[in-house]
Amino acid sequence: MATDNVVWHKHEVNKTTRSEKLNQNPRVFWLTGLSGSGKSTLANLLEKKLHEQNKHTYLLDGDNVRHGLCGDLGFSDKDRVENIRRISEVAKLFVDAGTLVLTAFISPFKADRDYCRSLLEEGEFVEVFIDTPLEVCESRDPKGLYKKARSGEIKDFTGIDSAYEAPEAPEIHLTYQDEPAEQTVERLYALLQEKGLV
């Protein structure tokens, strides 16, 4: 392997010193759910709320990273796994920098989400399941993807012809259907506070 002759170099400025300077406990808030469930909208509003609380944050969004870091990947199961592997490694780096990381990815496979959890210390990975029924996601269809998937224009679309493995024991299980996104984020923030995560 390429890493056989590579040795990890320890630096004096580390996660602990960075976190102390930023006055926060770094972690990843991993928002997962079907396309159209509201992940990006809620992650954006949550980051805004955390920013207002003087927290140091960074939001990794599924579509945005496919314009660069993961621009060479498609949507086959194999490519989805590699997409989440890369994001997990990036999230780990941001946590090492002392940052609160928010992610908005369908991340349909449990093993991939567990992989990110395995990279971090206990309590640093917070799985947030945005539980929106398929029919609601499909009725929203903000990008017209469900329509294309139903017509056969898009293959391997999660929820239609590719599986979504819902989290079995997420730290936060949030339903999001009819209420305004701002109200849902208030509920999410309250749950995070209740669990001592923000």
N, C-alpha and C. Protein backbone atom coordinates (compact mmCIF):
# COMPACT_ATOMS: atom_id res chain seq x y z
N MET A 1 0.83 -1.19 0.00
CA MET A 1 0.00 0.00 0.00
C MET A 1 0.87 1.25 0.00
N ALA A 2 0.30 2.35 -0.50
CA ALA A 2 1.04 3.61 -0.58
C ALA A 2 1.38 4.16 0.80
N THR A 3 0.60 3.76 1.81
CA THR A 3 0.81 4.30 3.16
C THR A 3 1.82 3.50 3.97
N ASP A 4 2.37 2.41 3.43
CA ASP A 4 3.29 1.56 4.18
C ASP A 4 4.51 2.32 4.69
N ASN A 5 4.99 3.26 3.91
CA ASN A 5 6.19 4.01 4.29
C ASN A 5 5.88 5.44 4.72
N VAL A 6 4.63 5.69 5.09
CA VAL A 6 4.22 7.01 5.53
C VAL A 6 3.97 6.96 7.03
N VAL A 7 4.61 7.87 7.75
CA VAL A 7 4.49 7.91 9.21
C VAL A 7 3.73 9.18 9.61
N TRP A 8 2.76 9.01 10.53
CA TRP A 8 1.99 10.17 11.00
C TRP A 8 2.90 11.11 11.78
N HIS A 9 2.89 12.38 11.42
CA HIS A 9 3.72 13.37 12.09
C HIS A 9 2.87 14.12 13.11
N LYS A 10 3.26 14.06 14.37
CA LYS A 10 2.51 14.73 15.43
C LYS A 10 2.97 16.18 15.55
N HIS A 11 1.99 17.07 15.71
CA HIS A 11 2.28 18.50 15.83
C HIS A 11 1.91 18.99 17.23
N GLU A 12 2.57 20.05 17.65
CA GLU A 12 2.31 20.57 19.00
C GLU A 12 0.95 21.24 19.10
N VAL A 13 0.52 21.91 18.03
CA VAL A 13 -0.84 22.46 18.01
C VAL A 13 -1.75 21.34 17.53
N ASN A 14 -2.67 20.95 18.38
CA ASN A 14 -3.51 19.80 18.05
C ASN A 14 -4.99 20.10 18.29
N LYS A 15 -5.82 19.07 18.19
CA LYS A 15 -7.26 19.25 18.35
C LYS A 15 -7.61 19.87 19.70
N THR A 16 -6.94 19.43 20.74
CA THR A 16 -7.22 19.95 22.08
C THR A 16 -6.92 21.44 22.17
N THR A 17 -5.74 21.83 21.70
CA THR A 17 -5.37 23.26 21.79
C THR A 17 -6.25 24.12 20.89
N ARG A 18 -6.61 23.60 19.74
CA ARG A 18 -7.49 24.37 18.84
C ARG A 18 -8.88 24.52 19.45
N SER A 19 -9.39 23.43 20.01
CA SER A 19 -10.72 23.46 20.61
C SER A 19 -10.78 24.42 21.79
N GLU A 20 -9.73 24.41 22.59
CA GLU A 20 -9.68 25.33 23.73
C GLU A 20 -9.70 26.78 23.27
N LYS A 21 -8.95 27.07 22.22
CA LYS A 21 -8.90 28.43 21.70
C LYS A 21 -10.26 28.86 21.15
N LEU A 22 -10.96 27.91 20.51
CA LEU A 22 -12.27 28.21 19.93
C LEU A 22 -13.39 28.11 20.96
N ASN A 23 -13.07 27.57 22.14
CA ASN A 23 -14.04 27.44 23.23
C ASN A 23 -15.26 26.61 22.81
N GLN A 24 -14.99 25.45 22.19
CA GLN A 24 -16.08 24.56 21.81
C GLN A 24 -15.56 23.13 21.68
N ASN A 25 -16.47 22.20 21.78
CA ASN A 25 -16.14 20.79 21.59
C ASN A 25 -16.47 20.40 20.15
N PRO A 26 -15.45 20.13 19.33
CA PRO A 26 -15.71 19.84 17.92
C PRO A 26 -16.44 18.53 17.74
N ARG A 27 -17.31 18.51 16.75
CA ARG A 27 -18.03 17.27 16.42
C ARG A 27 -18.66 17.41 15.04
N VAL A 28 -19.17 16.30 14.55
CA VAL A 28 -19.85 16.26 13.26
C VAL A 28 -21.34 16.05 13.49
N PHE A 29 -22.14 16.93 12.94
CA PHE A 29 -23.59 16.74 12.91
C PHE A 29 -23.93 16.20 11.52
N TRP A 30 -24.17 14.90 11.44
CA TRP A 30 -24.33 14.22 10.16
C TRP A 30 -25.82 14.09 9.83
N LEU A 31 -26.34 14.98 8.98
CA LEU A 31 -27.74 14.94 8.60
C LEU A 31 -27.91 13.98 7.43
N THR A 32 -28.75 12.97 7.63
CA THR A 32 -29.01 11.96 6.61
C THR A 32 -30.51 11.84 6.40
N GLY A 33 -30.88 11.53 5.18
CA GLY A 33 -32.29 11.37 4.83
C GLY A 33 -32.42 11.32 3.33
N LEU A 34 -33.61 11.05 2.86
CA LEU A 34 -33.86 10.95 1.43
C LEU A 34 -33.65 12.29 0.73
N SER A 35 -33.47 12.24 -0.59
CA SER A 35 -33.44 13.46 -1.38
C SER A 35 -34.77 14.19 -1.19
N GLY A 36 -34.71 15.48 -0.90
CA GLY A 36 -35.94 16.24 -0.68
C GLY A 36 -36.43 16.21 0.75
N SER A 37 -35.69 15.53 1.64
CA SER A 37 -36.12 15.44 3.05
C SER A 37 -35.93 16.76 3.79
N GLY A 38 -35.05 17.62 3.27
CA GLY A 38 -34.81 18.91 3.92
C GLY A 38 -33.45 19.03 4.56
N LYS A 39 -32.55 18.08 4.28
CA LYS A 39 -31.23 18.08 4.91
C LYS A 39 -30.47 19.38 4.69
N SER A 40 -30.35 19.80 3.45
CA SER A 40 -29.56 21.00 3.13
C SER A 40 -30.19 22.25 3.73
N THR A 41 -31.50 22.34 3.63
CA THR A 41 -32.21 23.50 4.19
C THR A 41 -32.00 23.59 5.70
N LEU A 42 -32.17 22.46 6.38
CA LEU A 42 -32.04 22.44 7.84
C LEU A 42 -30.59 22.63 8.28
N ALA A 43 -29.65 22.03 7.55
CA ALA A 43 -28.22 22.20 7.88
C ALA A 43 -27.82 23.65 7.74
N ASN A 44 -28.31 24.30 6.69
CA ASN A 44 -28.01 25.72 6.45
C ASN A 44 -28.54 26.58 7.59
N LEU A 45 -29.77 26.34 7.99
CA LEU A 45 -30.37 27.13 9.08
C LEU A 45 -29.71 26.83 10.42
N LEU A 46 -29.33 25.57 10.63
CA LEU A 46 -28.64 25.22 11.88
C LEU A 46 -27.28 25.89 11.94
N GLU A 47 -26.57 25.88 10.82
CA GLU A 47 -25.26 26.54 10.82
C GLU A 47 -25.42 28.03 11.11
N LYS A 48 -26.42 28.65 10.52
CA LYS A 48 -26.68 30.08 10.76
C LYS A 48 -26.93 30.33 12.25
N LYS A 49 -27.71 29.46 12.87
CA LYS A 49 -28.01 29.61 14.30
C LYS A 49 -26.75 29.44 15.14
N LEU A 50 -25.93 28.44 14.80
CA LEU A 50 -24.69 28.22 15.54
C LEU A 50 -23.73 29.39 15.34
N HIS A 51 -23.70 29.92 14.13
CA HIS A 51 -22.84 31.07 13.83
C HIS A 51 -23.24 32.27 14.68
N GLU A 52 -24.55 32.45 14.86
CA GLU A 52 -25.05 33.54 15.70
C GLU A 52 -24.66 33.35 17.15
N GLN A 53 -24.38 32.10 17.55
CA GLN A 53 -23.94 31.80 18.90
C GLN A 53 -22.41 31.85 19.01
N ASN A 54 -21.77 32.43 17.98
CA ASN A 54 -20.31 32.56 17.93
C ASN A 54 -19.58 31.22 17.88
N LYS A 55 -20.23 30.22 17.31
CA LYS A 55 -19.60 28.92 17.12
C LYS A 55 -18.86 28.92 15.78
N HIS A 56 -17.77 28.17 15.72
CA HIS A 56 -16.98 28.05 14.50
C HIS A 56 -17.45 26.79 13.77
N THR A 57 -17.98 26.98 12.58
CA THR A 57 -18.65 25.89 11.87
C THR A 57 -18.15 25.77 10.43
N TYR A 58 -18.47 24.61 9.83
CA TYR A 58 -18.33 24.46 8.39
C TYR A 58 -19.36 23.45 7.92
N LEU A 59 -20.04 23.80 6.82
CA LEU A 59 -21.09 22.95 6.27
C LEU A 59 -20.60 22.27 4.99
N LEU A 60 -20.64 20.94 5.00
CA LEU A 60 -20.33 20.14 3.82
C LEU A 60 -21.65 19.66 3.23
N ASP A 61 -21.97 20.11 2.03
CA ASP A 61 -23.25 19.78 1.41
C ASP A 61 -23.03 18.81 0.25
N GLY A 62 -23.92 17.84 0.12
CA GLY A 62 -23.79 16.79 -0.87
C GLY A 62 -23.59 17.29 -2.29
N ASP A 63 -24.43 18.21 -2.74
CA ASP A 63 -24.29 18.72 -4.11
C ASP A 63 -23.02 19.54 -4.27
N ASN A 64 -22.69 20.35 -3.28
CA ASN A 64 -21.53 21.24 -3.40
C ASN A 64 -20.22 20.48 -3.55
N VAL A 65 -20.04 19.41 -2.77
CA VAL A 65 -18.76 18.69 -2.85
C VAL A 65 -18.61 17.94 -4.17
N ARG A 66 -19.74 17.67 -4.85
CA ARG A 66 -19.66 16.99 -6.14
C ARG A 66 -19.23 17.94 -7.26
N HIS A 67 -19.08 19.21 -6.94
CA HIS A 67 -18.53 20.15 -7.91
C HIS A 67 -17.01 20.18 -7.86
N GLY A 68 -16.43 19.57 -6.83
CA GLY A 68 -14.98 19.62 -6.68
C GLY A 68 -14.41 18.31 -6.18
N LEU A 69 -14.35 18.17 -4.86
CA LEU A 69 -13.74 17.01 -4.23
C LEU A 69 -14.23 15.68 -4.80
N CYS A 70 -15.51 15.59 -5.05
CA CYS A 70 -16.09 14.33 -5.52
C CYS A 70 -16.66 14.46 -6.93
N GLY A 71 -16.13 15.41 -7.69
CA GLY A 71 -16.62 15.67 -9.04
C GLY A 71 -16.39 14.53 -10.01
N ASP A 72 -15.51 13.61 -9.67
CA ASP A 72 -15.22 12.48 -10.57
C ASP A 72 -16.09 11.27 -10.29
N LEU A 73 -17.01 11.38 -9.34
CA LEU A 73 -17.82 10.22 -8.94
C LEU A 73 -19.23 10.29 -9.52
N GLY A 74 -19.77 9.10 -9.82
CA GLY A 74 -21.15 9.00 -10.25
C GLY A 74 -22.04 8.63 -9.07
N PHE A 75 -23.12 7.89 -9.36
CA PHE A 75 -24.08 7.56 -8.30
C PHE A 75 -24.32 6.06 -8.16
N SER A 76 -23.39 5.27 -8.67
CA SER A 76 -23.47 3.83 -8.44
C SER A 76 -23.23 3.58 -6.95
N ASP A 77 -23.57 2.39 -6.47
CA ASP A 77 -23.34 2.08 -5.06
C ASP A 77 -21.87 2.26 -4.70
N LYS A 78 -20.98 1.81 -5.60
CA LYS A 78 -19.54 1.92 -5.35
C LYS A 78 -19.11 3.39 -5.24
N ASP A 79 -19.62 4.23 -6.13
CA ASP A 79 -19.27 5.65 -6.09
C ASP A 79 -19.87 6.35 -4.87
N ARG A 80 -21.05 5.93 -4.46
CA ARG A 80 -21.66 6.51 -3.26
C ARG A 80 -20.81 6.20 -2.02
N VAL A 81 -20.30 4.99 -1.95
CA VAL A 81 -19.44 4.59 -0.84
C VAL A 81 -18.18 5.46 -0.82
N GLU A 82 -17.56 5.63 -1.98
CA GLU A 82 -16.34 6.45 -2.07
C GLU A 82 -16.63 7.91 -1.76
N ASN A 83 -17.78 8.41 -2.18
CA ASN A 83 -18.19 9.78 -1.88
C ASN A 83 -18.22 10.01 -0.37
N ILE A 84 -18.86 9.11 0.35
CA ILE A 84 -18.98 9.26 1.80
C ILE A 84 -17.64 9.01 2.49
N ARG A 85 -16.81 8.11 1.95
CA ARG A 85 -15.48 7.91 2.53
C ARG A 85 -14.68 9.20 2.48
N ARG A 86 -14.69 9.86 1.34
CA ARG A 86 -13.95 11.13 1.21
C ARG A 86 -14.49 12.19 2.15
N ILE A 87 -15.81 12.30 2.21
CA ILE A 87 -16.43 13.30 3.09
C ILE A 87 -16.09 13.01 4.55
N SER A 88 -16.09 11.75 4.90
CA SER A 88 -15.77 11.35 6.28
C SER A 88 -14.36 11.79 6.65
N GLU A 89 -13.43 11.60 5.74
CA GLU A 89 -12.04 12.00 6.00
C GLU A 89 -11.91 13.52 6.11
N VAL A 90 -12.64 14.24 5.28
CA VAL A 90 -12.63 15.70 5.35
C VAL A 90 -13.26 16.17 6.66
N ALA A 91 -14.38 15.55 7.04
CA ALA A 91 -15.04 15.90 8.30
C ALA A 91 -14.10 15.68 9.48
N LYS A 92 -13.35 14.60 9.43
CA LYS A 92 -12.39 14.29 10.50
C LYS A 92 -11.34 15.41 10.61
N LEU A 93 -10.87 15.90 9.46
CA LEU A 93 -9.89 16.99 9.47
C LEU A 93 -10.48 18.26 10.09
N PHE A 94 -11.73 18.55 9.76
CA PHE A 94 -12.37 19.74 10.33
C PHE A 94 -12.55 19.60 11.84
N VAL A 95 -12.87 18.39 12.29
CA VAL A 95 -12.98 18.16 13.73
C VAL A 95 -11.62 18.36 14.39
N ASP A 96 -10.57 17.88 13.73
CA ASP A 96 -9.22 18.08 14.25
C ASP A 96 -8.87 19.56 14.33
N ALA A 97 -9.48 20.36 13.46
CA ALA A 97 -9.27 21.81 13.47
C ALA A 97 -10.10 22.50 14.56
N GLY A 98 -10.92 21.73 15.28
CA GLY A 98 -11.71 22.28 16.38
C GLY A 98 -13.08 22.78 15.97
N THR A 99 -13.49 22.43 14.77
CA THR A 99 -14.71 22.98 14.17
C THR A 99 -15.94 22.12 14.42
N LEU A 100 -17.10 22.77 14.44
CA LEU A 100 -18.38 22.05 14.40
C LEU A 100 -18.70 21.85 12.93
N VAL A 101 -18.78 20.60 12.51
CA VAL A 101 -19.00 20.27 11.10
C VAL A 101 -20.44 19.83 10.91
N LEU A 102 -21.10 20.41 9.92
CA LEU A 102 -22.44 19.98 9.56
C LEU A 102 -22.35 19.33 8.19
N THR A 103 -22.99 18.19 8.01
CA THR A 103 -23.01 17.56 6.70
C THR A 103 -24.46 17.32 6.28
N ALA A 104 -24.70 17.42 4.99
CA ALA A 104 -26.03 17.15 4.44
C ALA A 104 -25.85 16.20 3.26
N PHE A 105 -25.95 14.90 3.55
CA PHE A 105 -25.75 13.86 2.54
C PHE A 105 -26.83 12.81 2.70
N ILE A 106 -27.34 12.32 1.59
CA ILE A 106 -28.28 11.20 1.66
C ILE A 106 -27.62 10.07 2.44
N SER A 107 -26.36 9.79 2.11
CA SER A 107 -25.58 8.71 2.76
C SER A 107 -26.48 7.51 3.07
N PRO A 108 -26.90 6.81 2.01
CA PRO A 108 -27.95 5.80 2.18
C PRO A 108 -27.55 4.53 2.91
N PHE A 109 -26.22 4.28 3.02
CA PHE A 109 -25.80 3.00 3.59
C PHE A 109 -25.29 3.16 5.02
N LYS A 110 -25.82 2.34 5.90
CA LYS A 110 -25.45 2.37 7.32
C LYS A 110 -23.95 2.20 7.51
N ALA A 111 -23.34 1.29 6.77
CA ALA A 111 -21.90 1.01 6.92
C ALA A 111 -21.06 2.25 6.65
N ASP A 112 -21.50 3.08 5.71
CA ASP A 112 -20.75 4.29 5.38
C ASP A 112 -20.84 5.33 6.49
N ARG A 113 -22.03 5.47 7.06
CA ARG A 113 -22.19 6.40 8.18
C ARG A 113 -21.40 5.89 9.39
N ASP A 114 -21.42 4.59 9.59
CA ASP A 114 -20.64 4.00 10.68
C ASP A 114 -19.15 4.20 10.47
N TYR A 115 -18.72 4.22 9.22
CA TYR A 115 -17.30 4.45 8.92
C TYR A 115 -16.89 5.82 9.44
N CYS A 116 -17.70 6.83 9.16
CA CYS A 116 -17.36 8.17 9.65
C CYS A 116 -17.31 8.18 11.17
N ARG A 117 -18.28 7.54 11.79
CA ARG A 117 -18.30 7.47 13.25
C ARG A 117 -17.01 6.83 13.79
N SER A 118 -16.53 5.80 13.08
CA SER A 118 -15.34 5.07 13.54
C SER A 118 -14.07 5.92 13.47
N LEU A 119 -14.07 6.96 12.65
CA LEU A 119 -12.90 7.82 12.51
C LEU A 119 -12.76 8.82 13.66
N LEU A 120 -13.86 9.01 14.39
CA LEU A 120 -13.92 10.06 15.40
C LEU A 120 -13.94 9.48 16.81
N GLU A 121 -13.69 10.34 17.78
CA GLU A 121 -13.74 9.91 19.17
C GLU A 121 -15.19 9.82 19.63
N GLU A 122 -15.38 9.14 20.73
CA GLU A 122 -16.72 8.98 21.32
C GLU A 122 -17.37 10.35 21.50
N GLY A 123 -18.60 10.47 21.02
CA GLY A 123 -19.36 11.72 21.18
C GLY A 123 -19.12 12.76 20.10
N GLU A 124 -18.20 12.49 19.18
CA GLU A 124 -17.89 13.48 18.14
C GLU A 124 -18.74 13.30 16.88
N PHE A 125 -19.42 12.18 16.77
CA PHE A 125 -20.28 11.93 15.61
C PHE A 125 -21.73 11.94 16.08
N VAL A 126 -22.51 12.85 15.53
CA VAL A 126 -23.92 12.98 15.91
C VAL A 126 -24.77 12.71 14.67
N GLU A 127 -25.38 11.54 14.64
CA GLU A 127 -26.22 11.18 13.49
C GLU A 127 -27.60 11.81 13.67
N VAL A 128 -28.00 12.61 12.69
CA VAL A 128 -29.29 13.29 12.72
C VAL A 128 -30.12 12.77 11.55
N PHE A 129 -31.12 11.97 11.86
CA PHE A 129 -31.97 11.37 10.84
C PHE A 129 -33.13 12.31 10.54
N ILE A 130 -33.12 12.90 9.33
CA ILE A 130 -34.23 13.75 8.90
C ILE A 130 -35.26 12.81 8.28
N ASP A 131 -36.24 12.46 9.07
CA ASP A 131 -37.20 11.42 8.72
C ASP A 131 -38.41 12.04 8.03
N THR A 132 -38.32 12.11 6.72
CA THR A 132 -39.40 12.65 5.89
C THR A 132 -39.88 11.54 4.97
N PRO A 133 -41.17 11.23 4.98
CA PRO A 133 -41.68 10.12 4.15
C PRO A 133 -41.38 10.33 2.67
N LEU A 134 -41.17 9.23 1.97
CA LEU A 134 -40.85 9.28 0.55
C LEU A 134 -41.88 10.09 -0.22
N GLU A 135 -43.16 9.90 0.08
CA GLU A 135 -44.19 10.61 -0.68
C GLU A 135 -44.10 12.12 -0.50
N VAL A 136 -43.67 12.55 0.70
CA VAL A 136 -43.49 13.99 0.95
C VAL A 136 -42.28 14.50 0.18
N CYS A 137 -41.17 13.75 0.24
CA CYS A 137 -39.96 14.13 -0.50
C CYS A 137 -40.26 14.22 -1.99
N GLU A 138 -41.03 13.24 -2.49
CA GLU A 138 -41.33 13.22 -3.91
C GLU A 138 -42.26 14.35 -4.30
N SER A 139 -43.16 14.74 -3.41
CA SER A 139 -44.06 15.86 -3.72
C SER A 139 -43.30 17.18 -3.73
N ARG A 140 -42.25 17.28 -2.92
CA ARG A 140 -41.42 18.49 -2.93
C ARG A 140 -40.58 18.52 -4.21
N ASP A 141 -39.85 17.44 -4.43
CA ASP A 141 -38.99 17.26 -5.62
C ASP A 141 -38.35 18.57 -6.09
N PRO A 142 -37.56 19.24 -5.23
CA PRO A 142 -37.05 20.57 -5.55
C PRO A 142 -36.16 20.62 -6.79
N LYS A 143 -35.53 19.50 -7.14
CA LYS A 143 -34.63 19.50 -8.30
C LYS A 143 -35.20 18.69 -9.47
N GLY A 144 -36.42 18.21 -9.32
CA GLY A 144 -37.03 17.42 -10.39
C GLY A 144 -36.42 16.04 -10.57
N LEU A 145 -35.70 15.56 -9.53
CA LEU A 145 -34.99 14.29 -9.65
C LEU A 145 -35.91 13.08 -9.56
N TYR A 146 -36.93 13.16 -8.69
CA TYR A 146 -37.85 12.03 -8.57
C TYR A 146 -38.59 11.81 -9.89
N LYS A 147 -39.00 12.91 -10.52
CA LYS A 147 -39.69 12.81 -11.80
C LYS A 147 -38.80 12.11 -12.83
N LYS A 148 -37.51 12.49 -12.86
CA LYS A 148 -36.57 11.87 -13.79
C LYS A 148 -36.34 10.39 -13.44
N ALA A 149 -36.27 10.10 -12.14
CA ALA A 149 -36.06 8.71 -11.71
C ALA A 149 -37.26 7.85 -12.08
N ARG A 150 -38.45 8.37 -11.89
CA ARG A 150 -39.67 7.62 -12.21
C ARG A 150 -39.79 7.36 -13.72
N SER A 151 -39.27 8.29 -14.52
CA SER A 151 -39.36 8.13 -15.97
C SER A 151 -38.20 7.31 -16.53
N GLY A 152 -37.24 6.95 -15.65
CA GLY A 152 -36.12 6.15 -16.08
C GLY A 152 -34.92 6.94 -16.58
N GLU A 153 -35.00 8.28 -16.51
CA GLU A 153 -33.88 9.12 -16.95
C GLU A 153 -32.70 9.01 -16.00
N ILE A 154 -32.99 8.78 -14.70
CA ILE A 154 -31.94 8.64 -13.69
C ILE A 154 -32.02 7.22 -13.13
N LYS A 155 -30.87 6.56 -13.10
CA LYS A 155 -30.80 5.21 -12.52
C LYS A 155 -30.16 5.29 -11.13
N ASP A 156 -30.37 4.26 -10.32
CA ASP A 156 -29.77 4.15 -8.98
C ASP A 156 -30.15 5.34 -8.10
N PHE A 157 -31.43 5.73 -8.15
CA PHE A 157 -31.88 6.86 -7.35
C PHE A 157 -32.41 6.37 -6.01
N THR A 158 -31.85 6.90 -4.94
CA THR A 158 -32.21 6.44 -3.60
C THR A 158 -33.71 6.62 -3.34
N GLY A 159 -34.32 5.55 -2.85
CA GLY A 159 -35.74 5.58 -2.53
C GLY A 159 -36.61 5.06 -3.66
N ILE A 160 -36.04 5.04 -4.89
CA ILE A 160 -36.80 4.56 -6.04
C ILE A 160 -36.24 3.21 -6.49
N ASP A 161 -35.01 3.20 -7.00
CA ASP A 161 -34.43 1.92 -7.41
C ASP A 161 -33.08 1.65 -6.74
N SER A 162 -32.82 2.37 -5.66
CA SER A 162 -31.64 2.13 -4.83
C SER A 162 -32.06 2.28 -3.37
N ALA A 163 -31.54 1.42 -2.52
CA ALA A 163 -32.01 1.34 -1.14
C ALA A 163 -31.54 2.52 -0.29
N TYR A 164 -32.36 2.86 0.70
CA TYR A 164 -31.95 3.78 1.77
C TYR A 164 -32.08 3.03 3.08
N GLU A 165 -30.97 2.88 3.79
CA GLU A 165 -30.97 2.17 5.07
C GLU A 165 -31.11 3.21 6.18
N ALA A 166 -32.31 3.34 6.69
CA ALA A 166 -32.59 4.34 7.72
C ALA A 166 -31.80 4.05 8.98
N PRO A 167 -31.31 5.08 9.65
CA PRO A 167 -30.59 4.88 10.92
C PRO A 167 -31.45 4.14 11.93
N GLU A 168 -30.83 3.21 12.64
CA GLU A 168 -31.56 2.41 13.63
C GLU A 168 -31.56 3.07 15.00
N ALA A 169 -30.48 3.77 15.33
CA ALA A 169 -30.39 4.42 16.65
C ALA A 169 -29.64 5.75 16.53
N PRO A 170 -30.21 6.69 15.77
CA PRO A 170 -29.52 7.98 15.62
C PRO A 170 -29.54 8.77 16.92
N GLU A 171 -28.56 9.63 17.09
CA GLU A 171 -28.57 10.50 18.28
C GLU A 171 -29.79 11.43 18.26
N ILE A 172 -30.16 11.86 17.05
CA ILE A 172 -31.34 12.72 16.89
C ILE A 172 -32.22 12.14 15.78
N HIS A 173 -33.49 11.91 16.09
CA HIS A 173 -34.47 11.44 15.10
C HIS A 173 -35.50 12.56 14.94
N LEU A 174 -35.47 13.21 13.78
CA LEU A 174 -36.28 14.41 13.57
C LEU A 174 -37.24 14.22 12.41
N THR A 175 -38.52 14.35 12.68
CA THR A 175 -39.50 14.31 11.60
C THR A 175 -39.62 15.72 11.01
N TYR A 176 -39.78 15.78 9.70
CA TYR A 176 -39.90 17.08 9.04
C TYR A 176 -40.83 16.91 7.84
N GLN A 177 -42.05 17.46 8.00
CA GLN A 177 -43.03 17.31 6.93
C GLN A 177 -43.67 18.64 6.57
N ASP A 178 -44.57 19.13 7.43
CA ASP A 178 -45.41 20.27 7.06
C ASP A 178 -45.00 21.59 7.69
N GLU A 179 -44.30 21.56 8.81
CA GLU A 179 -44.00 22.81 9.51
C GLU A 179 -42.91 23.60 8.79
N PRO A 180 -42.83 24.90 9.04
CA PRO A 180 -41.76 25.72 8.44
C PRO A 180 -40.39 25.22 8.88
N ALA A 181 -39.42 25.32 7.99
CA ALA A 181 -38.07 24.84 8.28
C ALA A 181 -37.49 25.51 9.52
N GLU A 182 -37.78 26.79 9.69
CA GLU A 182 -37.26 27.53 10.85
C GLU A 182 -37.75 26.92 12.16
N GLN A 183 -38.99 26.47 12.16
CA GLN A 183 -39.57 25.85 13.35
C GLN A 183 -38.91 24.49 13.62
N THR A 184 -38.65 23.75 12.55
CA THR A 184 -38.00 22.45 12.68
C THR A 184 -36.59 22.60 13.23
N VAL A 185 -35.87 23.62 12.76
CA VAL A 185 -34.51 23.86 13.25
C VAL A 185 -34.53 24.24 14.73
N GLU A 186 -35.53 24.96 15.16
CA GLU A 186 -35.65 25.28 16.59
C GLU A 186 -35.81 24.00 17.39
N ARG A 187 -36.61 23.05 16.87
CA ARG A 187 -36.76 21.76 17.54
C ARG A 187 -35.44 21.01 17.56
N LEU A 188 -34.74 21.03 16.42
CA LEU A 188 -33.45 20.35 16.33
C LEU A 188 -32.45 20.95 17.31
N TYR A 189 -32.38 22.26 17.35
CA TYR A 189 -31.43 22.93 18.24
C TYR A 189 -31.75 22.61 19.70
N ALA A 190 -33.03 22.59 20.03
CA ALA A 190 -33.45 22.26 21.40
C ALA A 190 -33.04 20.84 21.78
N LEU A 191 -33.17 19.90 20.84
CA LEU A 191 -32.76 18.52 21.10
C LEU A 191 -31.25 18.42 21.28
N LEU A 192 -30.50 19.16 20.49
CA LEU A 192 -29.04 19.16 20.61
C LEU A 192 -28.62 19.75 21.96
N GLN A 193 -29.30 20.82 22.37
CA GLN A 193 -29.01 21.43 23.67
C GLN A 193 -29.33 20.46 24.81
N GLU A 194 -30.48 19.81 24.69
CA GLU A 194 -30.93 18.87 25.72
C GLU A 194 -29.90 17.75 25.94
N LYS A 195 -29.26 17.34 24.85
CA LYS A 195 -28.26 16.27 24.92
C LYS A 195 -26.85 16.80 25.17
N GLY A 196 -26.72 18.12 25.36
CA GLY A 196 -25.42 18.71 25.64
C GLY A 196 -24.47 18.68 24.45
N LEU A 197 -25.02 18.77 23.25
CA LEU A 197 -24.20 18.66 22.04
C LEU A 197 -23.85 20.01 21.41
N VAL A 198 -24.47 21.07 21.88
CA VAL A 198 -24.12 22.42 21.42
C VAL A 198 -23.96 23.35 22.62
